[in-house]
Amino acid sequence: MNGLTHRPEGQFEYDARNDKLPTVSWIICTSTASEHPDYTPAEGAAFVASKIDAIASNPEVWAKTAFILNYDENEACSTTSSRRSRRRARRTSSRP
């Protein structure tokens, strides 16, 4: 294998229901399901729920699956925070 492979939408759900999941699956959501400011949290919740529902629909798959959900919050938060800190520092240092 050479890294991530793009699969058709719904493939993970199909594989989960039919006990055909690979040993490890990396699921990367679409931008509309990313919960970034331009999109709704409901889209992200529906995306995650569809994956968990598919795993839960097959008791054998459910019994042997670990589902780890990771959000990349630190990058966005630290980038914003550091920009604000730099702006605040510039404003403070330019005062007499």
PDB file of N, CA and C in Angstrom:
ATOM      1  N   MET A   1       0.832  -1.177   0.000  1.00  0.00           N
ATOM      2  CA  MET A   1       0.000   0.000   0.000  1.00  0.00           C
ATOM      3  C   MET A   1       0.878   1.241   0.000  1.00  0.00           C
ATOM      4  N   ASN A   2       0.388   2.280  -0.586  1.00  0.00           N
ATOM      5  CA  ASN A   2       1.169   3.516  -0.642  1.00  0.00           C
ATOM      6  C   ASN A   2       0.389   4.701  -0.076  1.00  0.00           C
ATOM      7  N   GLY A   3      -0.085   4.574   1.134  1.00  0.00           N
ATOM      8  CA  GLY A   3      -0.763   5.700   1.773  1.00  0.00           C
ATOM      9  C   GLY A   3      -2.267   5.649   1.619  1.00  0.00           C
ATOM     10  N   LEU A   4      -2.852   6.829   1.664  1.00  0.00           N
ATOM     11  CA  LEU A   4      -4.304   6.931   1.618  1.00  0.00           C
ATOM     12  C   LEU A   4      -4.837   6.676   0.218  1.00  0.00           C
ATOM     13  N   THR A   5      -5.946   5.974   0.158  1.00  0.00           N
ATOM     14  CA  THR A   5      -6.607   5.693  -1.111  1.00  0.00           C
ATOM     15  C   THR A   5      -7.994   6.305  -1.085  1.00  0.00           C
ATOM     16  N   HIS A   6      -8.321   7.050  -2.119  1.00  0.00           N
ATOM     17  CA  HIS A   6      -9.641   7.655  -2.208  1.00  0.00           C
ATOM     18  C   HIS A   6     -10.670   6.578  -2.553  1.00  0.00           C
ATOM     19  N   ARG A   7     -11.733   6.536  -1.782  1.00  0.00           N
ATOM     20  CA  ARG A   7     -12.813   5.574  -2.014  1.00  0.00           C
ATOM     21  C   ARG A   7     -14.095   6.325  -2.316  1.00  0.00           C
ATOM     22  N   PRO A   8     -15.014   5.707  -3.017  1.00  0.00           N
ATOM     23  CA  PRO A   8     -16.295   6.375  -3.309  1.00  0.00           C
ATOM     24  C   PRO A   8     -17.076   6.652  -2.025  1.00  0.00           C
ATOM     25  N   GLU A   9     -17.882   7.695  -2.062  1.00  0.00           N
ATOM     26  CA  GLU A   9     -18.729   8.014  -0.920  1.00  0.00           C
ATOM     27  C   GLU A   9     -19.618   6.814  -0.597  1.00  0.00           C
ATOM     28  N   GLY A  10     -19.704   6.471   0.668  1.00  0.00           N
ATOM     29  CA  GLY A  10     -20.523   5.343   1.099  1.00  0.00           C
ATOM     30  C   GLY A  10     -19.772   4.023   1.167  1.00  0.00           C
ATOM     31  N   GLN A  11     -18.533   3.988   0.689  1.00  0.00           N
ATOM     32  CA  GLN A  11     -17.764   2.744   0.683  1.00  0.00           C
ATOM     33  C   GLN A  11     -17.462   2.260   2.099  1.00  0.00           C
ATOM     34  N   PHE A  12     -17.104   3.187   2.990  1.00  0.00           N
ATOM     35  CA  PHE A  12     -16.822   2.789   4.367  1.00  0.00           C
ATOM     36  C   PHE A  12     -18.048   2.143   4.992  1.00  0.00           C
ATOM     37  N   GLU A  13     -19.195   2.753   4.819  1.00  0.00           N
ATOM     38  CA  GLU A  13     -20.430   2.218   5.385  1.00  0.00           C
ATOM     39  C   GLU A  13     -20.729   0.828   4.824  1.00  0.00           C
ATOM     40  N   TYR A  14     -20.555   0.670   3.520  1.00  0.00           N
ATOM     41  CA  TYR A  14     -20.775  -0.641   2.889  1.00  0.00           C
ATOM     42  C   TYR A  14     -19.819  -1.682   3.472  1.00  0.00           C
ATOM     43  N   ASP A  15     -18.552  -1.324   3.551  1.00  0.00           N
ATOM     44  CA  ASP A  15     -17.548  -2.256   4.073  1.00  0.00           C
ATOM     45  C   ASP A  15     -17.820  -2.611   5.533  1.00  0.00           C
ATOM     46  N   ALA A  16     -18.249  -1.634   6.333  1.00  0.00           N
ATOM     47  CA  ALA A  16     -18.542  -1.903   7.746  1.00  0.00           C
ATOM     48  C   ALA A  16     -19.721  -2.868   7.877  1.00  0.00           C
ATOM     49  N   ARG A  17     -20.764  -2.619   7.131  1.00  0.00           N
ATOM     50  CA  ARG A  17     -21.956  -3.489   7.215  1.00  0.00           C
ATOM     51  C   ARG A  17     -21.662  -4.917   6.765  1.00  0.00           C
ATOM     52  N   ASN A  18     -20.702  -5.052   5.857  1.00  0.00           N
ATOM     53  CA  ASN A  18     -20.394  -6.368   5.283  1.00  0.00           C
ATOM     54  C   ASN A  18     -19.100  -6.974   5.798  1.00  0.00           C
ATOM     55  N   ASP A  19     -18.574  -6.461   6.910  1.00  0.00           N
ATOM     56  CA  ASP A  19     -17.358  -6.976   7.539  1.00  0.00           C
ATOM     57  C   ASP A  19     -16.185  -7.041   6.562  1.00  0.00           C
ATOM     58  N   LYS A  20     -15.998  -5.967   5.804  1.00  0.00           N
ATOM     59  CA  LYS A  20     -14.908  -5.906   4.830  1.00  0.00           C
ATOM     60  C   LYS A  20     -13.971  -4.735   5.095  1.00  0.00           C
ATOM     61  N   LEU A  21     -13.991  -4.200   6.323  1.00  0.00           N
ATOM     62  CA  LEU A  21     -13.111  -3.083   6.633  1.00  0.00           C
ATOM     63  C   LEU A  21     -11.654  -3.541   6.653  1.00  0.00           C
ATOM     64  N   PRO A  22     -10.753  -2.686   6.187  1.00  0.00           N
ATOM     65  CA  PRO A  22      -9.325  -3.018   6.324  1.00  0.00           C
ATOM     66  C   PRO A  22      -8.913  -2.908   7.791  1.00  0.00           C
ATOM     67  N   THR A  23      -7.706  -3.279   8.111  1.00  0.00           N
ATOM     68  CA  THR A  23      -7.221  -3.225   9.485  1.00  0.00           C
ATOM     69  C   THR A  23      -7.298  -1.810  10.048  1.00  0.00           C
ATOM     70  N   VAL A  24      -6.939  -0.829   9.248  1.00  0.00           N
ATOM     71  CA  VAL A  24      -6.999   0.579   9.659  1.00  0.00           C
ATOM     72  C   VAL A  24      -7.655   1.376   8.545  1.00  0.00           C
ATOM     73  N   SER A  25      -8.575   2.251   8.925  1.00  0.00           N
ATOM     74  CA  SER A  25      -9.210   3.155   7.967  1.00  0.00           C
ATOM     75  C   SER A  25      -9.010   4.585   8.436  1.00  0.00           C
ATOM     76  N   TRP A  26      -8.553   5.438   7.545  1.00  0.00           N
ATOM     77  CA  TRP A  26      -8.487   6.868   7.809  1.00  0.00           C
ATOM     78  C   TRP A  26      -9.633   7.487   7.036  1.00  0.00           C
ATOM     79  N   ILE A  27     -10.523   8.141   7.732  1.00  0.00           N
ATOM     80  CA  ILE A  27     -11.677   8.750   7.079  1.00  0.00           C
ATOM     81  C   ILE A  27     -11.500  10.259   7.153  1.00  0.00           C
ATOM     82  N   ILE A  28     -11.445  10.903   6.019  1.00  0.00           N
ATOM     83  CA  ILE A  28     -11.292  12.351   5.959  1.00  0.00           C
ATOM     84  C   ILE A  28     -12.581  12.904   5.361  1.00  0.00           C
ATOM     85  N   CYS A  29     -13.211  13.767   6.115  1.00  0.00           N
ATOM     86  CA  CYS A  29     -14.519  14.269   5.681  1.00  0.00           C
ATOM     87  C   CYS A  29     -14.385  15.279   4.550  1.00  0.00           C
ATOM     88  N   THR A  30     -15.502  15.518   3.906  1.00  0.00           N
ATOM     89  CA  THR A  30     -15.570  16.561   2.887  1.00  0.00           C
ATOM     90  C   THR A  30     -15.558  17.921   3.576  1.00  0.00           C
ATOM     91  N   SER A  31     -15.347  18.969   2.833  1.00  0.00           N
ATOM     92  CA  SER A  31     -15.322  20.301   3.447  1.00  0.00           C
ATOM     93  C   SER A  31     -16.670  20.651   4.069  1.00  0.00           C
ATOM     94  N   THR A  32     -17.766  20.204   3.470  1.00  0.00           N
ATOM     95  CA  THR A  32     -19.083  20.523   4.034  1.00  0.00           C
ATOM     96  C   THR A  32     -19.341  19.829   5.358  1.00  0.00           C
ATOM     97  N   ALA A  33     -18.647  18.740   5.620  1.00  0.00           N
ATOM     98  CA  ALA A  33     -18.806  18.025   6.891  1.00  0.00           C
ATOM     99  C   ALA A  33     -17.700  18.375   7.883  1.00  0.00           C
ATOM    100  N   SER A  34     -16.889  19.363   7.547  1.00  0.00           N
ATOM    101  CA  SER A  34     -15.719  19.685   8.367  1.00  0.00           C
ATOM    102  C   SER A  34     -16.031  20.512   9.604  1.00  0.00           C
ATOM    103  N   GLU A  35     -17.192  21.077   9.686  1.00  0.00           N
ATOM    104  CA  GLU A  35     -17.605  21.935  10.800  1.00  0.00           C
ATOM    105  C   GLU A  35     -16.785  23.211  10.894  1.00  0.00           C
ATOM    106  N   HIS A  36     -16.099  23.575   9.821  1.00  0.00           N
ATOM    107  CA  HIS A  36     -15.427  24.876   9.789  1.00  0.00           C
ATOM    108  C   HIS A  36     -16.499  25.961   9.712  1.00  0.00           C
ATOM    109  N   PRO A  37     -16.152  27.207   9.986  1.00  0.00           N
ATOM    110  CA  PRO A  37     -17.164  28.259  10.100  1.00  0.00           C
ATOM    111  C   PRO A  37     -18.142  28.402   8.937  1.00  0.00           C
ATOM    112  N   ASP A  38     -17.743  28.070   7.722  1.00  0.00           N
ATOM    113  CA  ASP A  38     -18.664  28.202   6.592  1.00  0.00           C
ATOM    114  C   ASP A  38     -19.714  27.093   6.522  1.00  0.00           C
ATOM    115  N   TYR A  39     -19.586  26.085   7.369  1.00  0.00           N
ATOM    116  CA  TYR A  39     -20.476  24.936   7.310  1.00  0.00           C
ATOM    117  C   TYR A  39     -21.104  24.685   8.678  1.00  0.00           C
ATOM    118  N   THR A  40     -22.128  23.868   8.711  1.00  0.00           N
ATOM    119  CA  THR A  40     -22.862  23.682   9.968  1.00  0.00           C
ATOM    120  C   THR A  40     -22.346  22.482  10.763  1.00  0.00           C
ATOM    121  N   PRO A  41     -22.416  22.571  12.083  1.00  0.00           N
ATOM    122  CA  PRO A  41     -22.058  21.418  12.912  1.00  0.00           C
ATOM    123  C   PRO A  41     -22.937  20.206  12.616  1.00  0.00           C
ATOM    124  N   ALA A  42     -24.165  20.439  12.197  1.00  0.00           N
ATOM    125  CA  ALA A  42     -25.071  19.321  11.895  1.00  0.00           C
ATOM    126  C   ALA A  42     -24.527  18.444  10.763  1.00  0.00           C
ATOM    127  N   GLU A  43     -23.884  19.058   9.783  1.00  0.00           N
ATOM    128  CA  GLU A  43     -23.295  18.271   8.689  1.00  0.00           C
ATOM    129  C   GLU A  43     -22.186  17.362   9.212  1.00  0.00           C
ATOM    130  N   GLY A  44     -21.352  17.890  10.089  1.00  0.00           N
ATOM    131  CA  GLY A  44     -20.280  17.089  10.676  1.00  0.00           C
ATOM    132  C   GLY A  44     -20.824  15.970  11.537  1.00  0.00           C
ATOM    133  N   ALA A  45     -21.850  16.274  12.316  1.00  0.00           N
ATOM    134  CA  ALA A  45     -22.460  15.257  13.176  1.00  0.00           C
ATOM    135  C   ALA A  45     -23.078  14.143  12.340  1.00  0.00           C
ATOM    136  N   ALA A  46     -23.735  14.502  11.260  1.00  0.00           N
ATOM    137  CA  ALA A  46     -24.349  13.492  10.381  1.00  0.00           C
ATOM    138  C   ALA A  46     -23.279  12.615   9.737  1.00  0.00           C
ATOM    139  N   PHE A  47     -22.161  13.217   9.364  1.00  0.00           N
ATOM    140  CA  PHE A  47     -21.072  12.472   8.753  1.00  0.00           C
ATOM    141  C   PHE A  47     -20.527  11.425   9.727  1.00  0.00           C
ATOM    142  N   VAL A  48     -20.233  11.856  10.954  1.00  0.00           N
ATOM    143  CA  VAL A  48     -19.702  10.943  11.971  1.00  0.00           C
ATOM    144  C   VAL A  48     -20.732   9.878  12.324  1.00  0.00           C
ATOM    145  N   ALA A  49     -21.984  10.276  12.495  1.00  0.00           N
ATOM    146  CA  ALA A  49     -23.039   9.319  12.851  1.00  0.00           C
ATOM    147  C   ALA A  49     -23.197   8.236  11.789  1.00  0.00           C
ATOM    148  N   SER A  50     -23.045   8.592  10.519  1.00  0.00           N
ATOM    149  CA  SER A  50     -23.188   7.581   9.458  1.00  0.00           C
ATOM    150  C   SER A  50     -22.109   6.506   9.573  1.00  0.00           C
ATOM    151  N   LYS A  51     -20.915   6.898  10.000  1.00  0.00           N
ATOM    152  CA  LYS A  51     -19.830   5.923  10.157  1.00  0.00           C
ATOM    153  C   LYS A  51     -20.085   5.014  11.369  1.00  0.00           C
ATOM    154  N   ILE A  52     -20.454   5.632  12.493  1.00  0.00           N
ATOM    155  CA  ILE A  52     -20.714   4.838  13.700  1.00  0.00           C
ATOM    156  C   ILE A  52     -21.932   3.941  13.519  1.00  0.00           C
ATOM    157  N   ASP A  53     -22.969   4.451  12.882  1.00  0.00           N
ATOM    158  CA  ASP A  53     -24.165   3.632  12.618  1.00  0.00           C
ATOM    159  C   ASP A  53     -23.829   2.414  11.765  1.00  0.00           C
ATOM    160  N   ALA A  54     -22.966   2.607  10.776  1.00  0.00           N
ATOM    161  CA  ALA A  54     -22.584   1.486   9.909  1.00  0.00           C
ATOM    162  C   ALA A  54     -21.829   0.419  10.691  1.00  0.00           C
ATOM    163  N   ILE A  55     -20.917   0.843  11.567  1.00  0.00           N
ATOM    164  CA  ILE A  55     -20.168  -0.114  12.390  1.00  0.00           C
ATOM    165  C   ILE A  55     -21.120  -0.841  13.340  1.00  0.00           C
ATOM    166  N   ALA A  56     -22.019  -0.090  13.959  1.00  0.00           N
ATOM    167  CA  ALA A  56     -22.951  -0.670  14.934  1.00  0.00           C
ATOM    168  C   ALA A  56     -23.977  -1.597  14.294  1.00  0.00           C
ATOM    169  N   SER A  57     -24.202  -1.456  13.005  1.00  0.00           N
ATOM    170  CA  SER A  57     -25.208  -2.293  12.342  1.00  0.00           C
ATOM    171  C   SER A  57     -24.782  -3.752  12.223  1.00  0.00           C
ATOM    172  N   ASN A  58     -23.491  -4.016  12.396  1.00  0.00           N
ATOM    173  CA  ASN A  58     -22.984  -5.388  12.319  1.00  0.00           C
ATOM    174  C   ASN A  58     -22.312  -5.718  13.656  1.00  0.00           C
ATOM    175  N   PRO A  59     -22.962  -6.531  14.491  1.00  0.00           N
ATOM    176  CA  PRO A  59     -22.402  -6.837  15.811  1.00  0.00           C
ATOM    177  C   PRO A  59     -20.983  -7.398  15.789  1.00  0.00           C
ATOM    178  N   GLU A  60     -20.647  -8.185  14.779  1.00  0.00           N
ATOM    179  CA  GLU A  60     -19.282  -8.735  14.695  1.00  0.00           C
ATOM    180  C   GLU A  60     -18.258  -7.632  14.436  1.00  0.00           C
ATOM    181  N   VAL A  61     -18.609  -6.683  13.588  1.00  0.00           N
ATOM    182  CA  VAL A  61     -17.712  -5.557  13.306  1.00  0.00           C
ATOM    183  C   VAL A  61     -17.618  -4.662  14.537  1.00  0.00           C
ATOM    184  N   TRP A  62     -18.761  -4.399  15.162  1.00  0.00           N
ATOM    185  CA  TRP A  62     -18.793  -3.561  16.361  1.00  0.00           C
ATOM    186  C   TRP A  62     -17.875  -4.119  17.451  1.00  0.00           C
ATOM    187  N   ALA A  63     -17.890  -5.430  17.632  1.00  0.00           N
ATOM    188  CA  ALA A  63     -17.124  -6.079  18.691  1.00  0.00           C
ATOM    189  C   ALA A  63     -15.606  -5.972  18.489  1.00  0.00           C
ATOM    190  N   LYS A  64     -15.165  -5.767  17.275  1.00  0.00           N
ATOM    191  CA  LYS A  64     -13.722  -5.752  17.015  1.00  0.00           C
ATOM    192  C   LYS A  64     -13.205  -4.417  16.467  1.00  0.00           C
ATOM    193  N   THR A  65     -14.003  -3.366  16.617  1.00  0.00           N
ATOM    194  CA  THR A  65     -13.634  -2.072  16.042  1.00  0.00           C
ATOM    195  C   THR A  65     -13.414  -1.016  17.115  1.00  0.00           C
ATOM    196  N   ALA A  66     -12.344  -0.258  16.958  1.00  0.00           N
ATOM    197  CA  ALA A  66     -12.111   0.946  17.768  1.00  0.00           C
ATOM    198  C   ALA A  66     -12.313   2.136  16.845  1.00  0.00           C
ATOM    199  N   PHE A  67     -13.138   3.058  17.251  1.00  0.00           N
ATOM    200  CA  PHE A  67     -13.416   4.258  16.449  1.00  0.00           C
ATOM    201  C   PHE A  67     -12.817   5.448  17.188  1.00  0.00           C
ATOM    202  N   ILE A  68     -11.821   6.062  16.595  1.00  0.00           N
ATOM    203  CA  ILE A  68     -11.145   7.203  17.220  1.00  0.00           C
ATOM    204  C   ILE A  68     -11.469   8.440  16.392  1.00  0.00           C
ATOM    205  N   LEU A  69     -12.105   9.403  17.020  1.00  0.00           N
ATOM    206  CA  LEU A  69     -12.478  10.642  16.343  1.00  0.00           C
ATOM    207  C   LEU A  69     -11.513  11.732  16.773  1.00  0.00           C
ATOM    208  N   ASN A  70     -10.877  12.364  15.805  1.00  0.00           N
ATOM    209  CA  ASN A  70      -9.885  13.388  16.100  1.00  0.00           C
ATOM    210  C   ASN A  70     -10.270  14.687  15.403  1.00  0.00           C
ATOM    211  N   TYR A  71     -10.272  15.764  16.156  1.00  0.00           N
ATOM    212  CA  TYR A  71     -10.490  17.090  15.592  1.00  0.00           C
ATOM    213  C   TYR A  71      -9.173  17.844  15.623  1.00  0.00           C
ATOM    214  N   ASP A  72      -8.877  18.582  14.571  1.00  0.00           N
ATOM    215  CA  ASP A  72      -7.665  19.390  14.512  1.00  0.00           C
ATOM    216  C   ASP A  72      -7.998  20.796  15.009  1.00  0.00           C
ATOM    217  N   GLU A  73      -8.217  20.908  16.292  1.00  0.00           N
ATOM    218  CA  GLU A  73      -8.569  22.201  16.868  1.00  0.00           C
ATOM    219  C   GLU A  73      -7.342  23.033  17.198  1.00  0.00           C
ATOM    220  N   ASN A  74      -6.261  22.427  17.577  1.00  0.00           N
ATOM    221  CA  ASN A  74      -5.096  23.180  18.035  1.00  0.00           C
ATOM    222  C   ASN A  74      -4.500  24.065  16.955  1.00  0.00           C
ATOM    223  N   GLU A  75      -4.421  23.582  15.754  1.00  0.00           N
ATOM    224  CA  GLU A  75      -3.810  24.373  14.689  1.00  0.00           C
ATOM    225  C   GLU A  75      -4.584  25.666  14.467  1.00  0.00           C
ATOM    226  N   ALA A  76      -5.877  25.564  14.304  1.00  0.00           N
ATOM    227  CA  ALA A  76      -6.681  26.766  14.059  1.00  0.00           C
ATOM    228  C   ALA A  76      -6.658  27.691  15.261  1.00  0.00           C
ATOM    229  N   CYS A  77      -6.774  27.128  16.442  1.00  0.00           N
ATOM    230  CA  CYS A  77      -6.821  27.928  17.653  1.00  0.00           C
ATOM    231  C   CYS A  77      -5.483  28.619  17.904  1.00  0.00           C
ATOM    232  N   SER A  78      -4.381  27.900  17.796  1.00  0.00           N
ATOM    233  CA  SER A  78      -3.079  28.499  18.091  1.00  0.00           C
ATOM    234  C   SER A  78      -2.703  29.528  17.041  1.00  0.00           C
ATOM    235  N   THR A  79      -3.088  29.287  15.793  1.00  0.00           N
ATOM    236  CA  THR A  79      -2.797  30.260  14.742  1.00  0.00           C
ATOM    237  C   THR A  79      -3.523  31.561  15.032  1.00  0.00           C
ATOM    238  N   THR A  80      -4.790  31.457  15.364  1.00  0.00           N
ATOM    239  CA  THR A  80      -5.581  32.643  15.673  1.00  0.00           C
ATOM    240  C   THR A  80      -5.053  33.326  16.924  1.00  0.00           C
ATOM    241  N   SER A  81      -4.778  32.545  17.951  1.00  0.00           N
ATOM    242  CA  SER A  81      -4.288  33.120  19.203  1.00  0.00           C
ATOM    243  C   SER A  81      -2.959  33.825  19.008  1.00  0.00           C
ATOM    244  N   SER A  82      -2.041  33.230  18.262  1.00  0.00           N
ATOM    245  CA  SER A  82      -0.739  33.854  18.093  1.00  0.00           C
ATOM    246  C   SER A  82      -0.854  35.137  17.277  1.00  0.00           C
ATOM    247  N   ARG A  83      -1.752  35.169  16.301  1.00  0.00           N
ATOM    248  CA  ARG A  83      -1.956  36.400  15.541  1.00  0.00           C
ATOM    249  C   ARG A  83      -2.495  37.499  16.443  1.00  0.00           C
ATOM    250  N   ARG A  84      -3.477  37.152  17.265  1.00  0.00           N
ATOM    251  CA  ARG A  84      -4.038  38.132  18.195  1.00  0.00           C
ATOM    252  C   ARG A  84      -2.972  38.624  19.164  1.00  0.00           C
ATOM    253  N   SER A  85      -2.155  37.717  19.658  1.00  0.00           N
ATOM    254  CA  SER A  85      -1.098  38.097  20.600  1.00  0.00           C
ATOM    255  C   SER A  85      -0.109  39.050  19.948  1.00  0.00           C
ATOM    256  N   ARG A  86       0.270  38.766  18.693  1.00  0.00           N
ATOM    257  CA  ARG A  86       1.212  39.644  18.000  1.00  0.00           C
ATOM    258  C   ARG A  86       0.604  41.025  17.778  1.00  0.00           C
ATOM    259  N   ARG A  87      -0.684  41.071  17.369  1.00  0.00           N
ATOM    260  CA  ARG A  87      -1.346  42.366  17.173  1.00  0.00           C
ATOM    261  C   ARG A  87      -1.413  43.139  18.482  1.00  0.00           C
ATOM    262  N   ARG A  88      -1.788  42.452  19.544  1.00  0.00           N
ATOM    263  CA  ARG A  88      -1.889  43.085  20.851  1.00  0.00           C
ATOM    264  C   ARG A  88      -0.517  43.601  21.287  1.00  0.00           C
ATOM    265  N   ALA A  89       0.517  42.834  21.050  1.00  0.00           N
ATOM    266  CA  ALA A  89       1.864  43.233  21.428  1.00  0.00           C
ATOM    267  C   ALA A  89       2.300  44.467  20.642  1.00  0.00           C
ATOM    268  N   ARG A  90       1.982  44.526  19.346  1.00  0.00           N
ATOM    269  CA  ARG A  90       2.346  45.693  18.534  1.00  0.00           C
ATOM    270  C   ARG A  90       1.626  46.941  19.021  1.00  0.00           C
ATOM    271  N   ARG A  91       0.327  46.804  19.334  1.00  0.00           N
ATOM    272  CA  ARG A  91      -0.441  47.964  19.809  1.00  0.00           C
ATOM    273  C   ARG A  91       0.101  48.441  21.146  1.00  0.00           C
ATOM    274  N   THR A  92       0.428  47.523  22.024  1.00  0.00           N
ATOM    275  CA  THR A  92       0.927  47.880  23.344  1.00  0.00           C
ATOM    276  C   THR A  92       2.306  48.535  23.247  1.00  0.00           C
ATOM    277  N   SER A  93       3.181  47.993  22.394  1.00  0.00           N
ATOM    278  CA  SER A  93       4.537  48.521  22.310  1.00  0.00           C
ATOM    279  C   SER A  93       4.575  49.875  21.616  1.00  0.00           C
ATOM    280  N   SER A  94       3.578  50.227  20.830  1.00  0.00           N
ATOM    281  CA  SER A  94       3.592  51.512  20.136  1.00  0.00           C
ATOM    282  C   SER A  94       3.003  52.631  20.981  1.00  0.00           C
ATOM    283  N   ARG A  95       2.483  52.316  22.152  1.00  0.00           N
ATOM    284  CA  ARG A  95       1.941  53.348  23.037  1.00  0.00           C
ATOM    285  C   ARG A  95       3.068  54.035  23.787  1.00  0.00           C
ATOM    286  N   PRO A  96       2.923  55.369  24.016  1.00  0.00           N
ATOM    287  CA  PRO A  96       3.984  56.090  24.746  1.00  0.00           C
ATOM    288  C   PRO A  96       4.079  55.695  26.189  1.00  0.00           C
TER     289      PRO A  96
END
